[in-house]
C-alpha cells in the first residue's frame, strides 16, 4: 500500500501545507 499511503498522506498534509509528490514507481505509476 505504498502508493495508497503516499496519496492519502499527501491529501492530508496538503490541508495545512504545500505538498508535492514525485512518483518514481516508473513501471507502475498509479498515483
ModelCIF file with pLDDT and N, C-alpha, C, O atoms, coordinates in Angstrom:
data_MODEL
#
_entry.id   MODEL 
#
_entity.id                         1 
_entity.type                       polymer 
_entity.pdbx_number_of_molecules   1 
#
_entity_poly.entity_id                      1 
_entity_poly.type                           'polypeptide(L)' 
_entity_poly.nstd_linkage                   no 
_entity_poly.nstd_monomer                   no 
_entity_poly.pdbx_seq_one_letter_code       
;(UNK)(UNK)(UNK)(UNK)(UNK)(UNK)(UNK)(UNK)(UNK)(UNK)(UNK)(UNK)(UNK)(UNK)(UNK)(UNK)
(UNK)(UNK)(UNK)(UNK)(UNK)(UNK)(UNK)(UNK)(UNK)(UNK)(UNK)(UNK)(UNK)(UNK)(UNK)
;
_entity_poly.pdbx_seq_one_letter_code_can   XXXXXXXXXXXXXXXXXXXXXXXXXXXXXXX 
_entity_poly.pdbx_strand_id                 A 
#
loop_
_entity_poly_seq.entity_id 
_entity_poly_seq.num 
_entity_poly_seq.mon_id 
_entity_poly_seq.hetero 
1 1  UNK n 
1 2  UNK n 
1 3  UNK n 
1 4  UNK n 
1 5  UNK n 
1 6  UNK n 
1 7  UNK n 
1 8  UNK n 
1 9  UNK n 
1 10 UNK n 
1 11 UNK n 
1 12 UNK n 
1 13 UNK n 
1 14 UNK n 
1 15 UNK n 
1 16 UNK n 
1 17 UNK n 
1 18 UNK n 
1 19 UNK n 
1 20 UNK n 
1 21 UNK n 
1 22 UNK n 
1 23 UNK n 
1 24 UNK n 
1 25 UNK n 
1 26 UNK n 
1 27 UNK n 
1 28 UNK n 
1 29 UNK n 
1 30 UNK n 
1 31 UNK n 
#
_struct_asym.id          A 
_struct_asym.entity_id   1 
#
loop_
_ma_qa_metric.id 
_ma_qa_metric.mode 
_ma_qa_metric.name 
_ma_qa_metric.software_group_id 
_ma_qa_metric.type 
1 global pLDDT . pLDDT 
2 local  pLDDT . pLDDT 
#
_ma_qa_metric_global.metric_id      1 
_ma_qa_metric_global.metric_value   96.10 
_ma_qa_metric_global.model_id       1 
_ma_qa_metric_global.ordinal_id     1 
#
loop_
_ma_qa_metric_local.label_asym_id 
_ma_qa_metric_local.label_comp_id 
_ma_qa_metric_local.label_seq_id 
_ma_qa_metric_local.metric_id 
_ma_qa_metric_local.metric_value 
_ma_qa_metric_local.model_id 
_ma_qa_metric_local.ordinal_id 
A UNK 1  2 93.00 1 1  
A UNK 2  2 96.00 1 2  
A UNK 3  2 96.00 1 3  
A UNK 4  2 96.00 1 4  
A UNK 5  2 97.00 1 5  
A UNK 6  2 97.00 1 6  
A UNK 7  2 97.00 1 7  
A UNK 8  2 97.00 1 8  
A UNK 9  2 97.00 1 9  
A UNK 10 2 98.00 1 10 
A UNK 11 2 97.00 1 11 
A UNK 12 2 97.00 1 12 
A UNK 13 2 97.00 1 13 
A UNK 14 2 97.00 1 14 
A UNK 15 2 95.00 1 15 
A UNK 16 2 96.00 1 16 
A UNK 17 2 98.00 1 17 
A UNK 18 2 98.00 1 18 
A UNK 19 2 98.00 1 19 
A UNK 20 2 98.00 1 20 
A UNK 21 2 98.00 1 21 
A UNK 22 2 98.00 1 22 
A UNK 23 2 97.00 1 23 
A UNK 24 2 95.00 1 24 
A UNK 25 2 94.00 1 25 
A UNK 26 2 93.00 1 26 
A UNK 27 2 92.00 1 27 
A UNK 28 2 91.00 1 28 
A UNK 29 2 94.00 1 29 
A UNK 30 2 95.00 1 30 
A UNK 31 2 97.00 1 31 
#
loop_
_atom_site.group_PDB 
_atom_site.id 
_atom_site.type_symbol 
_atom_site.label_atom_id 
_atom_site.label_alt_id 
_atom_site.label_comp_id 
_atom_site.label_asym_id 
_atom_site.label_entity_id 
_atom_site.label_seq_id 
_atom_site.pdbx_PDB_ins_code 
_atom_site.Cartn_x 
_atom_site.Cartn_y 
_atom_site.Cartn_z 
_atom_site.occupancy 
_atom_site.B_iso_or_equiv 
_atom_site.pdbx_formal_charge 
_atom_site.auth_seq_id 
_atom_site.auth_comp_id 
_atom_site.auth_asym_id 
_atom_site.auth_atom_id 
_atom_site.pdbx_PDB_model_num 
ATOM 1   N N  . UNK A 1 1  ? 0.777  -1.235 0.000   1.00 93.00 ? 1  UNK A N  1 
ATOM 2   C CA . UNK A 1 1  ? 0.000  0.000  0.000   1.00 93.00 ? 1  UNK A CA 1 
ATOM 3   C C  . UNK A 1 1  ? 0.804  1.278  0.000   1.00 93.00 ? 1  UNK A C  1 
ATOM 4   O O  . UNK A 1 1  ? 0.344  2.293  0.523   1.00 93.00 ? 1  UNK A O  1 
ATOM 5   N N  . UNK A 1 2  ? 2.015  1.255  -0.584  1.00 96.00 ? 2  UNK A N  1 
ATOM 6   C CA . UNK A 1 2  ? 2.848  2.471  -0.595  1.00 96.00 ? 2  UNK A CA 1 
ATOM 7   C C  . UNK A 1 2  ? 2.182  3.609  -1.357  1.00 96.00 ? 2  UNK A C  1 
ATOM 8   O O  . UNK A 1 2  ? 2.134  4.739  -0.871  1.00 96.00 ? 2  UNK A O  1 
ATOM 9   N N  . UNK A 1 3  ? 1.667  3.315  -2.551  1.00 96.00 ? 3  UNK A N  1 
ATOM 10  C CA . UNK A 1 3  ? 1.064  4.380  -3.358  1.00 96.00 ? 3  UNK A CA 1 
ATOM 11  C C  . UNK A 1 3  ? -0.197 4.912  -2.704  1.00 96.00 ? 3  UNK A C  1 
ATOM 12  O O  . UNK A 1 3  ? -0.425 6.122  -2.693  1.00 96.00 ? 3  UNK A O  1 
ATOM 13  N N  . UNK A 1 4  ? -1.015 4.030  -2.162  1.00 96.00 ? 4  UNK A N  1 
ATOM 14  C CA . UNK A 1 4  ? -2.223 4.464  -1.458  1.00 96.00 ? 4  UNK A CA 1 
ATOM 15  C C  . UNK A 1 4  ? -1.858 5.335  -0.266  1.00 96.00 ? 4  UNK A C  1 
ATOM 16  O O  . UNK A 1 4  ? -2.459 6.388  -0.050  1.00 96.00 ? 4  UNK A O  1 
ATOM 17  N N  . UNK A 1 5  ? -0.869 4.891  0.508   1.00 97.00 ? 5  UNK A N  1 
ATOM 18  C CA . UNK A 1 5  ? -0.459 5.667  1.678   1.00 97.00 ? 5  UNK A CA 1 
ATOM 19  C C  . UNK A 1 5  ? 0.129  7.008  1.258   1.00 97.00 ? 5  UNK A C  1 
ATOM 20  O O  . UNK A 1 5  ? -0.178 8.033  1.867   1.00 97.00 ? 5  UNK A O  1 
ATOM 21  N N  . UNK A 1 6  ? 0.975  7.015  0.218   1.00 97.00 ? 6  UNK A N  1 
ATOM 22  C CA . UNK A 1 6  ? 1.577  8.261  -0.245  1.00 97.00 ? 6  UNK A CA 1 
ATOM 23  C C  . UNK A 1 6  ? 0.502  9.262  -0.636  1.00 97.00 ? 6  UNK A C  1 
ATOM 24  O O  . UNK A 1 6  ? 0.559  10.429 -0.248  1.00 97.00 ? 6  UNK A O  1 
ATOM 25  N N  . UNK A 1 7  ? -0.485 8.800  -1.410  1.00 97.00 ? 7  UNK A N  1 
ATOM 26  C CA . UNK A 1 7  ? -1.546 9.696  -1.859  1.00 97.00 ? 7  UNK A CA 1 
ATOM 27  C C  . UNK A 1 7  ? -2.363 10.232 -0.690  1.00 97.00 ? 7  UNK A C  1 
ATOM 28  O O  . UNK A 1 7  ? -2.644 11.429 -0.623  1.00 97.00 ? 7  UNK A O  1 
ATOM 29  N N  . UNK A 1 8  ? -2.745 9.352  0.229   1.00 97.00 ? 8  UNK A N  1 
ATOM 30  C CA . UNK A 1 8  ? -3.579 9.798  1.345   1.00 97.00 ? 8  UNK A CA 1 
ATOM 31  C C  . UNK A 1 8  ? -2.798 10.678 2.323   1.00 97.00 ? 8  UNK A C  1 
ATOM 32  O O  . UNK A 1 8  ? -3.359 11.596 2.921   1.00 97.00 ? 8  UNK A O  1 
ATOM 33  N N  . UNK A 1 9  ? -1.508 10.398 2.481   1.00 97.00 ? 9  UNK A N  1 
ATOM 34  C CA . UNK A 1 9  ? -0.659 11.269 3.290   1.00 97.00 ? 9  UNK A CA 1 
ATOM 35  C C  . UNK A 1 9  ? -0.553 12.647 2.644   1.00 97.00 ? 9  UNK A C  1 
ATOM 36  O O  . UNK A 1 9  ? -0.606 13.669 3.329   1.00 97.00 ? 9  UNK A O  1 
ATOM 37  N N  . UNK A 1 10 ? -0.403 12.667 1.310   1.00 98.00 ? 10 UNK A N  1 
ATOM 38  C CA . UNK A 1 10 ? -0.307 13.939 0.596   1.00 98.00 ? 10 UNK A CA 1 
ATOM 39  C C  . UNK A 1 10 ? -1.598 14.738 0.715   1.00 98.00 ? 10 UNK A C  1 
ATOM 40  O O  . UNK A 1 10 ? -1.567 15.943 0.963   1.00 98.00 ? 10 UNK A O  1 
ATOM 41  N N  . UNK A 1 11 ? -2.741 14.061 0.537   1.00 97.00 ? 11 UNK A N  1 
ATOM 42  C CA . UNK A 1 11 ? -4.028 14.748 0.699   1.00 97.00 ? 11 UNK A CA 1 
ATOM 43  C C  . UNK A 1 11 ? -4.135 15.365 2.103   1.00 97.00 ? 11 UNK A C  1 
ATOM 44  O O  . UNK A 1 11 ? -4.549 16.514 2.256   1.00 97.00 ? 11 UNK A O  1 
ATOM 45  N N  . UNK A 1 12 ? -3.757 14.588 3.115   1.00 97.00 ? 12 UNK A N  1 
ATOM 46  C CA . UNK A 1 12 ? -3.888 15.064 4.496   1.00 97.00 ? 12 UNK A CA 1 
ATOM 47  C C  . UNK A 1 12 ? -2.951 16.233 4.779   1.00 97.00 ? 12 UNK A C  1 
ATOM 48  O O  . UNK A 1 12 ? -3.366 17.240 5.353   1.00 97.00 ? 12 UNK A O  1 
ATOM 49  N N  . UNK A 1 13 ? -1.687 16.102 4.376   1.00 97.00 ? 13 UNK A N  1 
ATOM 50  C CA . UNK A 1 13 ? -0.729 17.171 4.628   1.00 97.00 ? 13 UNK A CA 1 
ATOM 51  C C  . UNK A 1 13 ? -1.090 18.461 3.884   1.00 97.00 ? 13 UNK A C  1 
ATOM 52  O O  . UNK A 1 13 ? -0.828 19.562 4.369   1.00 97.00 ? 13 UNK A O  1 
ATOM 53  N N  . UNK A 1 14 ? -1.693 18.312 2.704   1.00 97.00 ? 14 UNK A N  1 
ATOM 54  C CA . UNK A 1 14 ? -1.987 19.490 1.880   1.00 97.00 ? 14 UNK A CA 1 
ATOM 55  C C  . UNK A 1 14 ? -3.119 20.343 2.453   1.00 97.00 ? 14 UNK A C  1 
ATOM 56  O O  . UNK A 1 14 ? -3.393 21.433 1.951   1.00 97.00 ? 14 UNK A O  1 
ATOM 57  N N  . UNK A 1 15 ? -3.778 19.843 3.510   1.00 95.00 ? 15 UNK A N  1 
ATOM 58  C CA . UNK A 1 15 ? -4.798 20.667 4.160   1.00 95.00 ? 15 UNK A CA 1 
ATOM 59  C C  . UNK A 1 15 ? -4.178 21.874 4.846   1.00 95.00 ? 15 UNK A C  1 
ATOM 60  O O  . UNK A 1 15 ? -4.815 22.919 4.982   1.00 95.00 ? 15 UNK A O  1 
ATOM 61  N N  . UNK A 1 16 ? -2.925 21.722 5.278   1.00 96.00 ? 16 UNK A N  1 
ATOM 62  C CA . UNK A 1 16 ? -2.269 22.816 6.004   1.00 96.00 ? 16 UNK A CA 1 
ATOM 63  C C  . UNK A 1 16 ? -0.868 23.136 5.474   1.00 96.00 ? 16 UNK A C  1 
ATOM 64  O O  . UNK A 1 16 ? -0.204 24.037 5.987   1.00 96.00 ? 16 UNK A O  1 
ATOM 65  N N  . UNK A 1 17 ? -0.419 22.407 4.456   1.00 98.00 ? 17 UNK A N  1 
ATOM 66  C CA . UNK A 1 17 ? 0.924  22.599 3.932   1.00 98.00 ? 17 UNK A CA 1 
ATOM 67  C C  . UNK A 1 17 ? 0.909  22.586 2.401   1.00 98.00 ? 17 UNK A C  1 
ATOM 68  O O  . UNK A 1 17 ? -0.046 22.119 1.780   1.00 98.00 ? 17 UNK A O  1 
ATOM 69  N N  . UNK A 1 18 ? 1.981  23.106 1.810   1.00 98.00 ? 18 UNK A N  1 
ATOM 70  C CA . UNK A 1 18 ? 2.192  22.973 0.368   1.00 98.00 ? 18 UNK A CA 1 
ATOM 71  C C  . UNK A 1 18 ? 2.926  21.659 0.131   1.00 98.00 ? 18 UNK A C  1 
ATOM 72  O O  . UNK A 1 18 ? 3.989  21.429 0.708   1.00 98.00 ? 18 UNK A O  1 
ATOM 73  N N  . UNK A 1 19 ? 2.371  20.805 -0.705  1.00 98.00 ? 19 UNK A N  1 
ATOM 74  C CA . UNK A 1 19 ? 2.885  19.444 -0.868  1.00 98.00 ? 19 UNK A CA 1 
ATOM 75  C C  . UNK A 1 19 ? 3.093  19.126 -2.345  1.00 98.00 ? 19 UNK A C  1 
ATOM 76  O O  . UNK A 1 19 ? 2.249  19.444 -3.183  1.00 98.00 ? 19 UNK A O  1 
ATOM 77  N N  . UNK A 1 20 ? 4.227  18.496 -2.655  1.00 98.00 ? 20 UNK A N  1 
ATOM 78  C CA . UNK A 1 20 ? 4.489  17.964 -3.985  1.00 98.00 ? 20 UNK A CA 1 
ATOM 79  C C  . UNK A 1 20 ? 4.758  16.474 -3.874  1.00 98.00 ? 20 UNK A C  1 
ATOM 80  O O  . UNK A 1 20 ? 5.346  16.021 -2.893  1.00 98.00 ? 20 UNK A O  1 
ATOM 81  N N  . UNK A 1 21 ? 4.334  15.711 -4.866  1.00 98.00 ? 21 UNK A N  1 
ATOM 82  C CA . UNK A 1 21 ? 4.533  14.269 -4.878  1.00 98.00 ? 21 UNK A CA 1 
ATOM 83  C C  . UNK A 1 21 ? 5.273  13.883 -6.147  1.00 98.00 ? 21 UNK A C  1 
ATOM 84  O O  . UNK A 1 21 ? 4.895  14.289 -7.247  1.00 98.00 ? 21 UNK A O  1 
ATOM 85  N N  . UNK A 1 22 ? 6.340  13.089 -5.984  1.00 98.00 ? 22 UNK A N  1 
ATOM 86  C CA . UNK A 1 22 ? 7.115  12.587 -7.118  1.00 98.00 ? 22 UNK A CA 1 
ATOM 87  C C  . UNK A 1 22 ? 6.895  11.078 -7.202  1.00 98.00 ? 22 UNK A C  1 
ATOM 88  O O  . UNK A 1 22 ? 7.254  10.338 -6.285  1.00 98.00 ? 22 UNK A O  1 
ATOM 89  N N  . UNK A 1 23 ? 6.311  10.635 -8.293  1.00 97.00 ? 23 UNK A N  1 
ATOM 90  C CA . UNK A 1 23 ? 6.030  9.221  -8.498  1.00 97.00 ? 23 UNK A CA 1 
ATOM 91  C C  . UNK A 1 23 ? 7.224  8.591  -9.207  1.00 97.00 ? 23 UNK A C  1 
ATOM 92  O O  . UNK A 1 23 ? 7.358  8.704  -10.425 1.00 97.00 ? 23 UNK A O  1 
ATOM 93  N N  . UNK A 1 24 ? 8.100  7.918  -8.435  1.00 95.00 ? 24 UNK A N  1 
ATOM 94  C CA . UNK A 1 24 ? 9.259  7.284  -9.065  1.00 95.00 ? 24 UNK A CA 1 
ATOM 95  C C  . UNK A 1 24 ? 9.065  5.777  -9.215  1.00 95.00 ? 24 UNK A C  1 
ATOM 96  O O  . UNK A 1 24 ? 10.023 5.039  -9.444  1.00 95.00 ? 24 UNK A O  1 
ATOM 97  N N  . UNK A 1 25 ? 7.818  5.330  -9.084  1.00 94.00 ? 25 UNK A N  1 
ATOM 98  C CA . UNK A 1 25 ? 7.490  3.947  -9.441  1.00 94.00 ? 25 UNK A CA 1 
ATOM 99  C C  . UNK A 1 25 ? 7.282  3.935  -10.951 1.00 94.00 ? 25 UNK A C  1 
ATOM 100 O O  . UNK A 1 25 ? 6.150  3.938  -11.436 1.00 94.00 ? 25 UNK A O  1 
ATOM 101 N N  . UNK A 1 26 ? 8.386  3.923  -11.679 1.00 93.00 ? 26 UNK A N  1 
ATOM 102 C CA . UNK A 1 26 ? 8.368  4.178  -13.118 1.00 93.00 ? 26 UNK A CA 1 
ATOM 103 C C  . UNK A 1 26 ? 7.543  3.140  -13.872 1.00 93.00 ? 26 UNK A C  1 
ATOM 104 O O  . UNK A 1 26 ? 6.827  3.487  -14.811 1.00 93.00 ? 26 UNK A O  1 
ATOM 105 N N  . UNK A 1 27 ? 7.632  1.882  -13.479 1.00 92.00 ? 27 UNK A N  1 
ATOM 106 C CA . UNK A 1 27 ? 6.916  0.827  -14.211 1.00 92.00 ? 27 UNK A CA 1 
ATOM 107 C C  . UNK A 1 27 ? 5.490  0.616  -13.719 1.00 92.00 ? 27 UNK A C  1 
ATOM 108 O O  . UNK A 1 27 ? 4.719  -0.094 -14.363 1.00 92.00 ? 27 UNK A O  1 
ATOM 109 N N  . UNK A 1 28 ? 5.128  1.217  -12.596 1.00 91.00 ? 28 UNK A N  1 
ATOM 110 C CA . UNK A 1 28 ? 3.768  1.079  -12.069 1.00 91.00 ? 28 UNK A CA 1 
ATOM 111 C C  . UNK A 1 28 ? 3.237  2.394  -11.561 1.00 91.00 ? 28 UNK A C  1 
ATOM 112 O O  . UNK A 1 28 ? 2.941  2.516  -10.373 1.00 91.00 ? 28 UNK A O  1 
ATOM 113 N N  . UNK A 1 29 ? 3.104  3.398  -12.436 1.00 94.00 ? 29 UNK A N  1 
ATOM 114 C CA . UNK A 1 29 ? 2.706  4.744  -11.982 1.00 94.00 ? 29 UNK A CA 1 
ATOM 115 C C  . UNK A 1 29 ? 1.199  4.844  -11.729 1.00 94.00 ? 29 UNK A C  1 
ATOM 116 O O  . UNK A 1 29 ? 0.436  5.189  -12.631 1.00 94.00 ? 29 UNK A O  1 
ATOM 117 N N  . UNK A 1 30 ? 0.781  4.546  -10.516 1.00 95.00 ? 30 UNK A N  1 
ATOM 118 C CA . UNK A 1 30 ? -0.648 4.535  -10.192 1.00 95.00 ? 30 UNK A CA 1 
ATOM 119 C C  . UNK A 1 30 ? -1.142 5.820  -9.543  1.00 95.00 ? 30 UNK A C  1 
ATOM 120 O O  . UNK A 1 30 ? -2.350 5.995  -9.383  1.00 95.00 ? 30 UNK A O  1 
ATOM 121 N N  . UNK A 1 31 ? -0.245 6.718  -9.168  1.00 97.00 ? 31 UNK A N  1 
ATOM 122 C CA . UNK A 1 31 ? -0.680 7.917  -8.443  1.00 97.00 ? 31 UNK A CA 1 
ATOM 123 C C  . UNK A 1 31 ? -1.607 8.828  -9.239  1.00 97.00 ? 31 UNK A C  1 
ATOM 124 O O  . UNK A 1 31 ? -2.038 9.865  -8.734  1.00 97.00 ? 31 UNK A O  1 
#
